[in-house]
């Protein structure tokens, strides 16, 4: 059985990992120069594509960090593991898979089927 302290430690570790990755990858999303004397058109297109992919990955990381920080806030308030829709407990296995999850399986399934 996973304790709240275990969840807190895992969440804090994951946030630190994501922030380290973000710091390391900032160079990949740097602006691509327009100097065609240094690189050909295709190389520049590859660089632009790489830049766009790095920016998209950075946005996903930032969103995940926000979700994990929200989980820490819920932990501090004593609300961690409660479904935001129905208030019922979220299954421990679901929280272990994604500690930032905010919905129980039933509410998540219901929301998913409503968006189809």
Protein backbone atom coordinates (compact mmCIF):
# COMPACT_ATOMS: atom_id res chain seq x y z
CA UNK A 1 0.00 0.00 0.00
CA UNK A 2 1.37 3.37 -1.02
CA UNK A 3 1.28 6.09 1.64
CA UNK A 4 0.71 9.80 1.12
CA UNK A 5 4.39 10.42 1.96
CA UNK A 6 5.33 7.96 -0.80
CA UNK A 7 3.11 9.80 -3.27
CA UNK A 8 4.55 13.15 -2.19
CA UNK A 9 8.14 11.92 -2.62
CA UNK A 10 7.33 10.43 -6.03
CA UNK A 11 5.59 13.61 -7.21
CA UNK A 12 8.43 15.87 -6.04
CA UNK A 13 11.00 13.59 -7.70
CA UNK A 14 9.05 13.58 -10.97
CA UNK A 15 8.73 17.39 -10.96
CA UNK A 16 12.50 17.71 -10.42
CA UNK A 17 13.18 15.28 -13.27
CA UNK A 18 10.88 17.16 -15.65
CA UNK A 19 12.44 20.50 -14.70
CA UNK A 20 15.93 19.07 -15.32
CA UNK A 21 14.87 17.78 -18.73
CA UNK A 22 13.32 21.16 -19.54
CA UNK A 23 16.54 22.95 -18.64
CA UNK A 24 18.61 20.57 -20.76
CA UNK A 25 16.31 20.80 -23.80
CA UNK A 26 16.06 24.61 -23.96
CA UNK A 27 18.91 24.59 -26.47
CA UNK A 28 16.87 22.42 -28.87
CA UNK A 29 14.09 24.98 -29.05
CA UNK A 30 16.39 27.95 -29.66
CA UNK A 31 15.53 30.17 -32.61
CA UNK A 32 16.77 28.86 -35.96
CA UNK A 33 18.89 31.40 -37.80
CA UNK A 34 18.03 32.45 -41.36
CA UNK A 35 21.65 32.48 -42.54
CA UNK A 36 21.63 30.29 -45.66
CA UNK A 37 25.37 30.69 -46.11
CA UNK A 38 25.85 28.46 -43.06
CA UNK A 39 23.29 25.80 -43.94
CA UNK A 40 21.24 24.73 -46.92
CA UNK A 41 17.48 25.02 -47.27
CA UNK A 42 16.81 21.38 -46.37
CA UNK A 43 19.07 21.54 -43.33
CA UNK A 44 17.22 24.65 -42.20
CA UNK A 45 13.87 22.88 -42.70
CA UNK A 46 15.13 20.00 -40.57
CA UNK A 47 16.27 22.46 -37.91
CA UNK A 48 12.87 24.19 -37.95
CA UNK A 49 11.09 20.85 -37.60
CA UNK A 50 13.37 19.89 -34.72
CA UNK A 51 12.69 23.24 -33.08
CA UNK A 52 8.91 22.79 -33.41
CA UNK A 53 9.12 19.30 -31.92
CA UNK A 54 11.24 20.56 -29.02
CA UNK A 55 8.76 23.36 -28.31
CA UNK A 56 5.83 20.92 -28.33
CA UNK A 57 7.69 18.61 -25.93
CA UNK A 58 8.43 21.58 -23.67
CA UNK A 59 4.73 22.51 -23.61
CA UNK A 60 3.80 18.93 -22.65
CA UNK A 61 6.44 18.94 -19.88
CA UNK A 62 5.19 22.30 -18.55
CA UNK A 63 1.62 20.99 -18.51
CA UNK A 64 2.69 17.84 -16.66
CA UNK A 65 4.60 19.92 -14.10
CA UNK A 66 1.47 22.04 -13.51
CA UNK A 67 -0.63 18.88 -13.06
CA UNK A 68 1.89 17.42 -10.60
CA UNK A 69 2.06 20.68 -8.63
CA UNK A 70 -1.74 20.57 -8.48
CA UNK A 71 -1.45 17.06 -7.03
CA UNK A 72 0.93 18.38 -4.36
CA UNK A 73 -1.56 21.11 -3.49
CA UNK A 74 -4.33 18.52 -3.16
CA UNK A 75 -2.01 16.43 -0.98
CA UNK A 76 -1.35 19.40 1.31
CA UNK A 77 -5.09 20.08 1.59
CA UNK A 78 -5.87 16.44 2.35
CA UNK A 79 -7.82 16.11 -0.91
CA UNK A 80 -5.34 13.93 -2.81
CA UNK A 81 -6.89 10.77 -4.19
CA UNK A 82 -10.45 12.13 -4.21
CA UNK A 83 -12.30 12.42 -7.51
CA UNK A 84 -12.99 16.05 -8.38
CA UNK A 85 -16.31 15.07 -9.98
CA UNK A 86 -17.96 12.71 -7.50
CA UNK A 87 -15.72 12.93 -4.42
CA UNK A 88 -15.17 9.17 -4.29
CA UNK A 89 -11.67 7.75 -3.76
CA UNK A 90 -9.54 7.24 -6.86
CA UNK A 91 -8.12 3.71 -7.11
CA UNK A 92 -4.58 3.45 -5.76
CA UNK A 93 -3.37 1.72 -8.93
CA UNK A 94 -4.70 4.66 -10.98
CA UNK A 95 -2.86 7.14 -8.74
CA UNK A 96 0.33 5.08 -8.95
CA UNK A 97 0.11 5.16 -12.75
CA UNK A 98 -0.57 8.92 -12.79
CA UNK A 99 -0.46 10.71 -9.44
CA UNK A 100 -1.75 13.89 -11.12
CA UNK A 101 -5.03 12.24 -12.11
CA UNK A 102 -8.10 14.04 -10.77
CA UNK A 103 -10.92 11.68 -11.73
CA UNK A 104 -11.93 8.19 -10.70
CA UNK A 105 -12.24 5.63 -13.48
CA UNK A 106 -16.03 5.93 -13.67
CA UNK A 107 -16.00 9.73 -14.01
CA UNK A 108 -13.09 9.64 -16.47
CA UNK A 109 -14.92 7.08 -18.60
CA UNK A 110 -18.11 9.11 -18.44
CA UNK A 111 -16.29 12.28 -19.49
CA UNK A 112 -14.54 10.43 -22.31
CA UNK A 113 -17.78 9.01 -23.71
CA UNK A 114 -19.42 12.47 -23.47
CA UNK A 115 -16.72 13.97 -25.72
CA UNK A 116 -17.21 11.41 -28.48
